[in-house]
Protein backbone atom coordinates (compact mmCIF):
# COMPACT_ATOMS: atom_id res chain seq x y z
CA GLY A 1 -62.93 -103.78 -45.42
CA LYS A 2 -63.63 -107.49 -45.14
CA GLY A 3 -62.89 -107.91 -41.46
CA GLY A 4 -65.70 -105.59 -40.37
CA LYS A 5 -68.33 -107.31 -42.52
CA SER A 6 -67.58 -110.77 -41.19
CA ARG A 7 -67.68 -109.49 -37.62
CA GLU A 8 -71.11 -107.96 -38.24
CA ARG A 9 -72.33 -111.26 -39.61
CA THR A 10 -71.17 -113.19 -36.55
CA LYS A 11 -72.79 -110.64 -34.26
CA ARG A 12 -76.09 -111.05 -36.08
CA ARG A 13 -75.85 -114.84 -35.93
CA LYS A 14 -75.17 -114.85 -32.21
CA LYS A 15 -78.14 -112.55 -31.62
CA ARG A 16 -80.38 -114.88 -33.60
CA GLU A 17 -79.19 -117.88 -31.60
CA ARG A 18 -79.92 -116.10 -28.36
CA VAL A 19 -83.46 -115.24 -29.48
CA ARG A 20 -84.18 -118.82 -30.48
CA GLY A 21 -82.85 -120.15 -27.21
CA GLU A 22 -81.64 -123.36 -28.77
CA SER A 23 -79.89 -126.03 -26.81
CA GLY A 24 -76.11 -126.19 -27.21
CA ARG A 25 -76.16 -129.64 -28.81
CA GLU A 26 -78.55 -128.58 -31.57
CA MET A 27 -76.46 -125.50 -32.30
CA LYS A 28 -73.34 -127.61 -32.58
CA ARG A 29 -75.07 -129.95 -35.01
CA GLU A 30 -76.13 -127.02 -37.19
CA LYS A 31 -72.67 -125.55 -37.19
CA GLU A 32 -71.18 -128.89 -38.17
CA LYS A 33 -73.66 -129.18 -41.07
CA SER A 34 -72.84 -125.74 -42.41
CA ARG A 35 -69.12 -126.44 -42.05
CA ARG A 36 -69.43 -129.67 -44.01
CA LYS A 37 -71.38 -127.90 -46.75
CA ARG A 38 -68.74 -125.19 -46.96
CA ASN A 39 -65.97 -127.77 -47.20
CA GLU A 40 -67.73 -129.66 -49.97
CA LYS A 41 -68.23 -126.49 -51.96
CA GLY A 42 -64.62 -125.54 -51.43
CA MET A 43 -63.47 -128.93 -52.65
CA GLU A 44 -65.57 -128.62 -55.80
CA ASN A 45 -64.16 -125.21 -56.51
CA ARG A 46 -60.65 -126.48 -55.93
CA LYS A 47 -61.21 -129.33 -58.39
CA LYS A 48 -62.53 -126.87 -60.99
CA LYS A 49 -59.55 -124.61 -60.48
CA ARG A 50 -57.16 -127.52 -60.85
CA ARG A 51 -58.85 -128.58 -64.08
CA ARG A 52 -58.65 -125.05 -65.43
CA LYS A 53 -54.98 -124.80 -64.53
CA ARG A 54 -54.22 -128.11 -66.20
CA LYS A 55 -55.85 -126.93 -69.44
CA ARG A 56 -53.91 -123.71 -69.38
CA LYS A 57 -50.66 -125.53 -68.82
CA LYS A 58 -51.27 -127.79 -71.82
CA LYS A 59 -51.86 -124.77 -74.06
CA LYS A 60 -48.63 -123.21 -72.94
CA LYS A 61 -46.72 -126.39 -73.65
CA LYS A 62 -48.01 -126.44 -77.23
CA ARG A 63 -46.97 -122.86 -77.80
CA LYS A 64 -43.50 -123.04 -76.32
CA LYS A 65 -40.71 -125.05 -77.87
CA LYS A 66 -38.08 -126.41 -75.57
CA LYS A 67 -34.46 -125.59 -76.27
CA LYS A 68 -31.86 -128.27 -75.95
CA LYS A 69 -29.28 -127.65 -73.31
CA LYS A 70 -25.67 -127.85 -74.34
CA LYS A 71 -23.54 -130.10 -72.23
CA LYS A 72 -20.63 -128.38 -70.60
CA LYS A 73 -17.26 -129.95 -71.10
CA LYS A 74 -15.37 -130.63 -67.93
CA LYS A 75 -12.04 -128.91 -67.76
CA LYS A 76 -9.10 -131.05 -66.85
CA LYS A 77 -7.13 -129.79 -63.92
CA LYS A 78 -3.52 -129.04 -64.70
CA LYS A 79 -0.97 -130.35 -62.28
CA LYS A 80 0.98 -127.58 -60.67
CA LYS A 81 4.69 -127.63 -61.35
CA GLU A 82 6.74 -127.43 -58.25
CA LYS A 83 8.77 -124.28 -58.17
CA LYS A 84 12.43 -124.43 -57.28
CA LYS A 85 13.16 -122.36 -54.24
CA LYS A 86 15.50 -119.53 -54.95
CA LYS A 87 18.42 -119.20 -52.63
CA LYS A 88 18.48 -115.88 -50.86
CA LYS A 89 21.52 -113.84 -51.58
CA ARG A 90 23.06 -112.82 -48.33
CA ARG A 91 24.36 -109.32 -48.18
CA LYS A 92 28.00 -109.21 -47.44
CA LYS A 93 28.83 -107.69 -44.14
CA ARG A 94 31.20 -104.85 -44.46
CA GLY A 95 34.71 -105.27 -43.31
CA LYS A 96 35.88 -103.79 -40.06
CA GLY A 97 37.38 -100.77 -41.73
CA GLU A 98 34.32 -99.83 -43.81
CA LYS A 99 31.93 -98.16 -41.45
CA ARG A 100 29.09 -96.23 -42.94
CA ASP A 101 28.90 -92.62 -42.04
CA VAL A 102 25.74 -92.16 -40.04
CA GLY A 103 24.56 -88.73 -39.08
CA GLU A 104 23.73 -88.00 -35.49
CA GLY A 105 19.98 -87.61 -36.20
CA GLU A 106 19.61 -90.85 -38.14
CA ARG A 107 21.31 -93.16 -35.71
CA LYS A 108 18.98 -95.65 -34.11
CA GLU A 109 19.43 -96.94 -30.62
CA GLY A 110 21.43 -100.09 -30.26
CA LYS A 111 22.99 -99.81 -33.69
CA SER A 112 26.51 -98.83 -34.36
CA GLY A 113 27.72 -97.22 -37.54
CA ARG A 114 27.46 -100.53 -39.39
CA TRP A 115 23.95 -101.16 -40.69
């Protein structure tokens, strides 16, 4: 699309410059002039655009009504109550006479009949 066209234009310009056989300084001066002109035009357009945007913004403001924001209430942090530590109930060890009957298959290494 656009890329090709601009390339063609530059090609044509370079050809023209070659035909004229202008000195480098003169060419530079011309380029500078055209660049300045382009910049000025761009600035004008930018100003126009800005003006247009400003107008549009004003219209929008008239149309739209602003809603009031509700303020959020800050929640108070509750202090944590310290919990009382429960005492662990220790399981009573069985007396010497009360050995549990452990089957041969279930017995683990290093453990006697008492669990």
